[in-house]
Amino acid sequence: QVQLVESGGGLVQPGGSLRLSCAASGFTFRLYTMSWVRQAPGKERELVAHINNDGSTTYTDSVKGRFTISRDNAKNTVYLQMNSLKPEDTALYFCRRLPGAGDSWGQGTQVTVSS
């Protein structure tokens, strides 16, 4: 059974940083592309970043240069380092494997950027 457990969110001031973590289990982690998805109130889910099993990465334009996705295959964990945070980054953040359409959604981790 696939499990993805997100952590590391919190309340931070604009310009601050957070590091999100996602512990994965129930599948062969190193073989999958992993992603971070966020959902802000009243908005659709947005794919923020993904990292392929070869380590190559892709980011949505709004976070390029500020966010960094990484993975540790030995720990079955994917990370999202978020710097220079803006109020518009406020959202519930989830990690997902790709493909993973049939996977359950975890609880996510809330990121709130506010002064």
C-alpha atoms as a PDB file:
ATOM      1  CA  GLN A   1       0.000   0.000   0.000  1.00  0.00           C
ATOM      2  CA  VAL A   2       1.426   3.322  -1.084  1.00  0.00           C
ATOM      3  CA  GLN A   3       1.907   5.813   1.738  1.00  0.00           C
ATOM      4  CA  LEU A   4       3.170   9.363   1.422  1.00  0.00           C
ATOM      5  CA  VAL A   5       3.576  11.376   4.601  1.00  0.00           C
ATOM      6  CA  GLU A   6       4.318  15.076   4.273  1.00  0.00           C
ATOM      7  CA  SER A   7       5.843  17.243   6.980  1.00  0.00           C
ATOM      8  CA  GLY A   8       7.739  20.480   7.541  1.00  0.00           C
ATOM      9  CA  GLY A   9       5.116  23.105   6.869  1.00  0.00           C
ATOM     10  CA  GLY A  10       4.370  26.052   9.092  1.00  0.00           C
ATOM     11  CA  LEU A  11       3.869  29.778   9.379  1.00  0.00           C
ATOM     12  CA  VAL A  12       6.663  31.908   7.952  1.00  0.00           C
ATOM     13  CA  GLN A  13       7.101  35.570   7.119  1.00  0.00           C
ATOM     14  CA  PRO A  14       7.510  36.724   3.522  1.00  0.00           C
ATOM     15  CA  GLY A  15      11.090  36.158   2.441  1.00  0.00           C
ATOM     16  CA  GLY A  16      11.515  33.244   4.799  1.00  0.00           C
ATOM     17  CA  SER A  17      12.339  29.612   4.133  1.00  0.00           C
ATOM     18  CA  LEU A  18      10.905  26.193   4.844  1.00  0.00           C
ATOM     19  CA  ARG A  19      11.966  22.655   3.994  1.00  0.00           C
ATOM     20  CA  LEU A  20       9.245  20.142   3.328  1.00  0.00           C
ATOM     21  CA  SER A  21       9.809  16.405   3.576  1.00  0.00           C
ATOM     22  CA  CYS A  22       7.818  13.474   2.244  1.00  0.00           C
ATOM     23  CA  ALA A  23       8.434   9.954   3.519  1.00  0.00           C
ATOM     24  CA  ALA A  24       7.346   7.316   1.033  1.00  0.00           C
ATOM     25  CA  SER A  25       6.620   3.626   1.499  1.00  0.00           C
ATOM     26  CA  GLY A  26       4.825   0.775  -0.214  1.00  0.00           C
ATOM     27  CA  PHE A  27       6.590   0.995  -3.566  1.00  0.00           C
ATOM     28  CA  THR A  28      10.073   0.987  -5.074  1.00  0.00           C
ATOM     29  CA  PHE A  29      10.808   4.651  -4.506  1.00  0.00           C
ATOM     30  CA  ARG A  30      13.936   4.942  -6.622  1.00  0.00           C
ATOM     31  CA  LEU A  31      12.065   3.911  -9.772  1.00  0.00           C
ATOM     32  CA  TYR A  32       9.478   6.690  -9.645  1.00  0.00           C
ATOM     33  CA  THR A  33       9.283  10.323 -10.514  1.00  0.00           C
ATOM     34  CA  MET A  34       8.238  12.242  -7.405  1.00  0.00           C
ATOM     35  CA  SER A  35       6.434  15.536  -7.304  1.00  0.00           C
ATOM     36  CA  TRP A  36       5.142  18.274  -5.036  1.00  0.00           C
ATOM     37  CA  VAL A  37       1.648  19.574  -5.645  1.00  0.00           C
ATOM     38  CA  ARG A  38      -0.048  22.438  -3.841  1.00  0.00           C
ATOM     39  CA  GLN A  39      -3.601  23.613  -3.415  1.00  0.00           C
ATOM     40  CA  ALA A  40      -4.529  27.060  -2.228  1.00  0.00           C
ATOM     41  CA  PRO A  41      -8.019  27.885  -0.982  1.00  0.00           C
ATOM     42  CA  GLY A  42     -10.387  28.362  -3.884  1.00  0.00           C
ATOM     43  CA  LYS A  43      -7.796  27.352  -6.448  1.00  0.00           C
ATOM     44  CA  GLU A  44      -7.047  24.210  -8.412  1.00  0.00           C
ATOM     45  CA  ARG A  45      -4.201  21.935  -7.512  1.00  0.00           C
ATOM     46  CA  GLU A  46      -0.908  23.035  -9.041  1.00  0.00           C
ATOM     47  CA  LEU A  47       2.112  20.892  -9.855  1.00  0.00           C
ATOM     48  CA  VAL A  48       4.987  22.780  -8.239  1.00  0.00           C
ATOM     49  CA  ALA A  49       7.972  20.606  -9.078  1.00  0.00           C
ATOM     50  CA  HIS A  50       8.966  17.095  -9.957  1.00  0.00           C
ATOM     51  CA  ILE A  51      12.154  15.080  -9.873  1.00  0.00           C
ATOM     52  CA  ASN A  52      12.769  12.112 -12.113  1.00  0.00           C
ATOM     53  CA  ASN A  53      14.498   8.931 -11.055  1.00  0.00           C
ATOM     54  CA  ASP A  54      17.660  10.192 -12.791  1.00  0.00           C
ATOM     55  CA  GLY A  55      17.613  13.332 -10.648  1.00  0.00           C
ATOM     56  CA  SER A  56      16.498  15.735 -13.358  1.00  0.00           C
ATOM     57  CA  THR A  57      14.025  18.354 -12.177  1.00  0.00           C
ATOM     58  CA  THR A  58      11.243  20.575 -13.477  1.00  0.00           C
ATOM     59  CA  TYR A  59       9.552  23.547 -11.810  1.00  0.00           C
ATOM     60  CA  THR A  60       6.518  25.633 -12.434  1.00  0.00           C
ATOM     61  CA  ASP A  61       7.496  29.140 -13.504  1.00  0.00           C
ATOM     62  CA  SER A  62       6.305  30.846 -10.331  1.00  0.00           C
ATOM     63  CA  VAL A  63       8.801  28.984  -8.128  1.00  0.00           C
ATOM     64  CA  LYS A  64      11.843  28.789 -10.405  1.00  0.00           C
ATOM     65  CA  GLY A  65      14.925  30.092  -8.665  1.00  0.00           C
ATOM     66  CA  ARG A  66      13.260  29.933  -5.245  1.00  0.00           C
ATOM     67  CA  PHE A  67      12.344  26.277  -4.706  1.00  0.00           C
ATOM     68  CA  THR A  68      14.553  23.205  -4.983  1.00  0.00           C
ATOM     69  CA  ILE A  69      13.261  19.639  -5.125  1.00  0.00           C
ATOM     70  CA  SER A  70      15.591  16.809  -4.142  1.00  0.00           C
ATOM     71  CA  ARG A  71      15.409  13.164  -3.193  1.00  0.00           C
ATOM     72  CA  ASP A  72      17.228  10.658  -1.020  1.00  0.00           C
ATOM     73  CA  ASN A  73      16.612   7.184  -2.400  1.00  0.00           C
ATOM     74  CA  ALA A  74      18.295   5.569   0.594  1.00  0.00           C
ATOM     75  CA  LYS A  75      15.721   7.192   2.879  1.00  0.00           C
ATOM     76  CA  ASN A  76      12.763   6.956   0.473  1.00  0.00           C
ATOM     77  CA  THR A  77      12.260  10.673   0.993  1.00  0.00           C
ATOM     78  CA  VAL A  78      11.666  13.646  -1.271  1.00  0.00           C
ATOM     79  CA  TYR A  79      12.271  17.210  -0.156  1.00  0.00           C
ATOM     80  CA  LEU A  80      11.203  20.679  -1.198  1.00  0.00           C
ATOM     81  CA  GLN A  81      13.447  23.523  -0.082  1.00  0.00           C
ATOM     82  CA  MET A  82      11.481  26.738  -0.333  1.00  0.00           C
ATOM     83  CA  ASN A  83      13.297  30.070  -0.129  1.00  0.00           C
ATOM     84  CA  SER A  84      12.163  33.666  -0.613  1.00  0.00           C
ATOM     85  CA  LEU A  85       8.631  32.640   0.222  1.00  0.00           C
ATOM     86  CA  LYS A  86       5.764  34.857  -0.880  1.00  0.00           C
ATOM     87  CA  PRO A  87       2.180  35.119   0.384  1.00  0.00           C
ATOM     88  CA  GLU A  88       1.010  33.513  -2.848  1.00  0.00           C
ATOM     89  CA  ASP A  89       2.920  30.372  -1.883  1.00  0.00           C
ATOM     90  CA  THR A  90       0.401  29.815   0.901  1.00  0.00           C
ATOM     91  CA  ALA A  91      -1.210  26.437   0.273  1.00  0.00           C
ATOM     92  CA  LEU A  92      -1.540  22.856   1.397  1.00  0.00           C
ATOM     93  CA  TYR A  93       1.410  20.961  -0.066  1.00  0.00           C
ATOM     94  CA  PHE A  94       1.280  17.297  -1.062  1.00  0.00           C
ATOM     95  CA  CYS A  95       3.813  14.920  -2.491  1.00  0.00           C
ATOM     96  CA  ARG A  96       2.838  12.473  -5.192  1.00  0.00           C
ATOM     97  CA  ARG A  97       4.516   9.788  -7.184  1.00  0.00           C
ATOM     98  CA  LEU A  98       4.156   9.862 -10.951  1.00  0.00           C
ATOM     99  CA  PRO A  99       2.280   8.030 -12.254  1.00  0.00           C
ATOM    100  CA  GLY A 100       0.049   7.728  -9.230  1.00  0.00           C
ATOM    101  CA  ALA A 101      -3.503   8.371 -10.293  1.00  0.00           C
ATOM    102  CA  GLY A 102      -4.808   5.560  -8.119  1.00  0.00           C
ATOM    103  CA  ASP A 103      -2.884   6.529  -5.001  1.00  0.00           C
ATOM    104  CA  SER A 104      -4.618   7.973  -1.976  1.00  0.00           C
ATOM    105  CA  TRP A 105      -3.815  11.559  -1.068  1.00  0.00           C
ATOM    106  CA  GLY A 106      -1.942  12.151   2.170  1.00  0.00           C
ATOM    107  CA  GLN A 107      -2.889  14.833   4.660  1.00  0.00           C
ATOM    108  CA  GLY A 108      -0.442  17.295   3.187  1.00  0.00           C
ATOM    109  CA  THR A 109       1.472  19.932   5.082  1.00  0.00           C
ATOM    110  CA  GLN A 110       0.215  23.498   5.402  1.00  0.00           C
ATOM    111  CA  VAL A 111       2.462  26.365   4.388  1.00  0.00           C
ATOM    112  CA  THR A 112       1.319  29.831   5.379  1.00  0.00           C
ATOM    113  CA  VAL A 113       3.315  32.885   4.355  1.00  0.00           C
ATOM    114  CA  SER A 114       2.163  35.955   6.215  1.00  0.00           C
ATOM    115  CA  SER A 115       3.514  38.879   8.160  1.00  0.00           C
END
